[in-house]
Amino acid sequence: MSESYEFYEYICKLRRYGVVEGYPGNVYKPENYVTRGEMSKFIFLGSSSPANTTCGGFPDVPYNTPFYTEITRLKCSNIVSGYPQIEGSFLYKPNNNVSRGEMAKFIDRARNFKNIN
């Protein structure tokens, strides 16, 4: 990624703070979409949410799957929520891409834990 890339400064800053990382081979791929699972990791790393998982996880994010810890801690901190299902449960859908609206909600809720300006 070139230093002239529009978002280079922001990506480098978040990388220094350990919020984002590259793919294997140290490649960032800034034009790729972000999944809800990946966004949860970014928000988790960029916030200071408590290490609480006692509220339980989502049925589609079982223990020992990617992003389980991040998603569950953010759920227990009321930063992320799921999609309601007919039977009253909620699914997180970690492989869905994040909409700009969802991203705004995640960041707004996370800012209560760490001052994001």
C-alpha atoms as a PDB file:
ATOM      1  CA  MET A   1       0.000   0.000   0.000  1.00  0.00           C
ATOM      2  CA  SER A   2       1.396   3.328  -1.043  1.00  0.00           C
ATOM      3  CA  GLU A   3       1.814   6.255   1.358  1.00  0.00           C
ATOM      4  CA  SER A   4      -0.288   8.268  -1.088  1.00  0.00           C
ATOM      5  CA  TYR A   5      -3.288   5.974  -0.476  1.00  0.00           C
ATOM      6  CA  GLU A   6      -6.209   8.016   0.861  1.00  0.00           C
ATOM      7  CA  PHE A   7      -6.526   6.099   4.159  1.00  0.00           C
ATOM      8  CA  TYR A   8      -2.842   5.245   4.663  1.00  0.00           C
ATOM      9  CA  GLU A   9      -2.397   7.456   7.751  1.00  0.00           C
ATOM     10  CA  TYR A  10      -5.438   5.993   9.529  1.00  0.00           C
ATOM     11  CA  ILE A  11      -4.547   2.405   8.738  1.00  0.00           C
ATOM     12  CA  CYS A  12      -0.974   2.901   9.980  1.00  0.00           C
ATOM     13  CA  LYS A  13      -2.215   4.528  13.184  1.00  0.00           C
ATOM     14  CA  LEU A  14      -4.620   1.686  13.960  1.00  0.00           C
ATOM     15  CA  ARG A  15      -1.945  -0.852  13.098  1.00  0.00           C
ATOM     16  CA  ARG A  16       0.506   0.773  15.549  1.00  0.00           C
ATOM     17  CA  TYR A  17      -2.125   0.452  18.280  1.00  0.00           C
ATOM     18  CA  GLY A  18      -2.748  -3.198  17.396  1.00  0.00           C
ATOM     19  CA  VAL A  19      -6.344  -2.624  16.287  1.00  0.00           C
ATOM     20  CA  VAL A  20      -5.887  -3.852  12.695  1.00  0.00           C
ATOM     21  CA  GLU A  21      -3.430  -6.254  11.155  1.00  0.00           C
ATOM     22  CA  GLY A  22      -2.596  -7.535   7.709  1.00  0.00           C
ATOM     23  CA  TYR A  23      -3.240 -10.810   5.981  1.00  0.00           C
ATOM     24  CA  PRO A  24      -0.513 -13.453   5.711  1.00  0.00           C
ATOM     25  CA  GLY A  25       2.484 -11.924   3.998  1.00  0.00           C
ATOM     26  CA  ASN A  26       1.886  -8.636   5.840  1.00  0.00           C
ATOM     27  CA  VAL A  27      -0.569  -7.374   3.201  1.00  0.00           C
ATOM     28  CA  TYR A  28      -3.415  -5.138   4.410  1.00  0.00           C
ATOM     29  CA  LYS A  29      -5.821  -5.137   1.385  1.00  0.00           C
ATOM     30  CA  PRO A  30      -7.617  -1.883   2.298  1.00  0.00           C
ATOM     31  CA  GLU A  31     -10.319  -2.273  -0.352  1.00  0.00           C
ATOM     32  CA  ASN A  32     -11.566  -5.627   1.026  1.00  0.00           C
ATOM     33  CA  TYR A  33     -14.877  -5.703   2.856  1.00  0.00           C
ATOM     34  CA  VAL A  34     -14.954  -6.369   6.600  1.00  0.00           C
ATOM     35  CA  THR A  35     -17.083  -9.091   8.183  1.00  0.00           C
ATOM     36  CA  ARG A  36     -19.023  -8.631  11.397  1.00  0.00           C
ATOM     37  CA  GLY A  37     -16.560 -10.998  13.078  1.00  0.00           C
ATOM     38  CA  GLU A  38     -13.544  -8.982  11.934  1.00  0.00           C
ATOM     39  CA  MET A  39     -15.201  -5.714  12.945  1.00  0.00           C
ATOM     40  CA  SER A  40     -15.830  -7.163  16.395  1.00  0.00           C
ATOM     41  CA  LYS A  41     -12.130  -7.859  16.742  1.00  0.00           C
ATOM     42  CA  PHE A  42     -11.247  -4.309  15.637  1.00  0.00           C
ATOM     43  CA  ILE A  43     -13.737  -2.783  18.088  1.00  0.00           C
ATOM     44  CA  PHE A  44     -12.635  -5.121  20.889  1.00  0.00           C
ATOM     45  CA  LEU A  45      -8.961  -4.260  20.397  1.00  0.00           C
ATOM     46  CA  GLY A  46      -9.715  -0.555  20.168  1.00  0.00           C
ATOM     47  CA  SER A  47     -11.868  -0.446  23.289  1.00  0.00           C
ATOM     48  CA  SER A  48     -11.335  -1.377  26.883  1.00  0.00           C
ATOM     49  CA  SER A  49     -14.455  -3.500  27.257  1.00  0.00           C
ATOM     50  CA  PRO A  50     -14.561  -5.732  30.344  1.00  0.00           C
ATOM     51  CA  ALA A  51     -13.516  -9.382  30.129  1.00  0.00           C
ATOM     52  CA  ASN A  52     -17.094 -10.503  30.756  1.00  0.00           C
ATOM     53  CA  THR A  53     -18.581 -13.440  28.849  1.00  0.00           C
ATOM     54  CA  THR A  54     -21.212 -14.421  31.442  1.00  0.00           C
ATOM     55  CA  CYS A  55     -24.152 -13.200  29.366  1.00  0.00           C
ATOM     56  CA  GLY A  56     -23.611 -16.095  26.944  1.00  0.00           C
ATOM     57  CA  GLY A  57     -22.751 -16.141  23.278  1.00  0.00           C
ATOM     58  CA  PHE A  58     -24.707 -16.336  20.062  1.00  0.00           C
ATOM     59  CA  PRO A  59     -25.798 -19.784  18.805  1.00  0.00           C
ATOM     60  CA  ASP A  60     -24.027 -19.204  15.465  1.00  0.00           C
ATOM     61  CA  VAL A  61     -20.734 -18.280  17.199  1.00  0.00           C
ATOM     62  CA  PRO A  62     -19.866 -21.358  19.273  1.00  0.00           C
ATOM     63  CA  TYR A  63     -16.896 -21.484  21.625  1.00  0.00           C
ATOM     64  CA  ASN A  64     -13.550 -22.126  19.867  1.00  0.00           C
ATOM     65  CA  THR A  65     -14.604 -20.401  16.638  1.00  0.00           C
ATOM     66  CA  PRO A  66     -12.880 -17.298  15.286  1.00  0.00           C
ATOM     67  CA  PHE A  67     -13.840 -14.122  17.137  1.00  0.00           C
ATOM     68  CA  TYR A  68     -15.875 -15.949  19.832  1.00  0.00           C
ATOM     69  CA  THR A  69     -14.171 -14.096  22.687  1.00  0.00           C
ATOM     70  CA  GLU A  70     -14.352 -10.694  21.033  1.00  0.00           C
ATOM     71  CA  ILE A  71     -17.985 -11.072  19.954  1.00  0.00           C
ATOM     72  CA  THR A  72     -19.140 -12.445  23.315  1.00  0.00           C
ATOM     73  CA  ARG A  73     -17.354  -9.767  25.359  1.00  0.00           C
ATOM     74  CA  LEU A  74     -18.788  -7.033  23.148  1.00  0.00           C
ATOM     75  CA  LYS A  75     -22.244  -8.596  23.424  1.00  0.00           C
ATOM     76  CA  CYS A  76     -21.986  -8.641  27.223  1.00  0.00           C
ATOM     77  CA  SER A  77     -20.887  -4.988  27.113  1.00  0.00           C
ATOM     78  CA  ASN A  78     -23.932  -4.131  24.944  1.00  0.00           C
ATOM     79  CA  ILE A  79     -21.737  -2.966  22.062  1.00  0.00           C
ATOM     80  CA  VAL A  80     -22.874  -5.536  19.494  1.00  0.00           C
ATOM     81  CA  SER A  81     -26.197  -7.258  19.037  1.00  0.00           C
ATOM     82  CA  GLY A  82     -27.616  -9.921  16.804  1.00  0.00           C
ATOM     83  CA  TYR A  83     -30.389 -10.333  14.293  1.00  0.00           C
ATOM     84  CA  PRO A  84     -33.674 -11.471  15.884  1.00  0.00           C
ATOM     85  CA  GLN A  85     -34.961 -14.881  14.829  1.00  0.00           C
ATOM     86  CA  ILE A  86     -38.553 -16.147  14.835  1.00  0.00           C
ATOM     87  CA  GLU A  87     -38.040 -18.341  17.915  1.00  0.00           C
ATOM     88  CA  GLY A  88     -36.844 -15.384  20.017  1.00  0.00           C
ATOM     89  CA  SER A  89     -33.122 -16.025  19.783  1.00  0.00           C
ATOM     90  CA  PHE A  90     -30.560 -13.793  18.088  1.00  0.00           C
ATOM     91  CA  LEU A  91     -27.920 -14.715  15.511  1.00  0.00           C
ATOM     92  CA  TYR A  92     -24.741 -12.708  15.099  1.00  0.00           C
ATOM     93  CA  LYS A  93     -23.916 -13.760  11.509  1.00  0.00           C
ATOM     94  CA  PRO A  94     -20.144 -13.238  11.900  1.00  0.00           C
ATOM     95  CA  ASN A  95     -19.401 -13.851   8.212  1.00  0.00           C
ATOM     96  CA  ASN A  96     -21.787 -11.156   6.943  1.00  0.00           C
ATOM     97  CA  ASN A  97     -20.213  -7.936   5.754  1.00  0.00           C
ATOM     98  CA  VAL A  98     -20.643  -4.934   8.025  1.00  0.00           C
ATOM     99  CA  SER A  99     -22.898  -2.196   6.751  1.00  0.00           C
ATOM    100  CA  ARG A 100     -21.881   1.411   7.296  1.00  0.00           C
ATOM    101  CA  GLY A 101     -24.837   1.725   9.685  1.00  0.00           C
ATOM    102  CA  GLU A 102     -23.695  -1.248  11.753  1.00  0.00           C
ATOM    103  CA  MET A 103     -20.161   0.137  11.833  1.00  0.00           C
ATOM    104  CA  ALA A 104     -21.457   3.462  13.157  1.00  0.00           C
ATOM    105  CA  LYS A 105     -23.463   1.677  15.875  1.00  0.00           C
ATOM    106  CA  PHE A 106     -20.461  -0.472  16.923  1.00  0.00           C
ATOM    107  CA  ILE A 107     -18.146   2.540  17.170  1.00  0.00           C
ATOM    108  CA  ASP A 108     -20.706   4.714  18.965  1.00  0.00           C
ATOM    109  CA  ARG A 109     -21.357   2.044  21.590  1.00  0.00           C
ATOM    110  CA  ALA A 110     -17.629   1.282  21.991  1.00  0.00           C
ATOM    111  CA  ARG A 111     -16.727   4.913  22.583  1.00  0.00           C
ATOM    112  CA  ASN A 112     -18.340   4.608  26.005  1.00  0.00           C
ATOM    113  CA  PHE A 113     -15.412   2.380  26.994  1.00  0.00           C
ATOM    114  CA  LYS A 114     -12.589   4.314  25.337  1.00  0.00           C
ATOM    115  CA  ASN A 115     -12.530   7.880  24.128  1.00  0.00           C
ATOM    116  CA  ILE A 116     -12.732   7.606  20.323  1.00  0.00           C
ATOM    117  CA  ASN A 117     -12.739  11.042  18.747  1.00  0.00           C
END
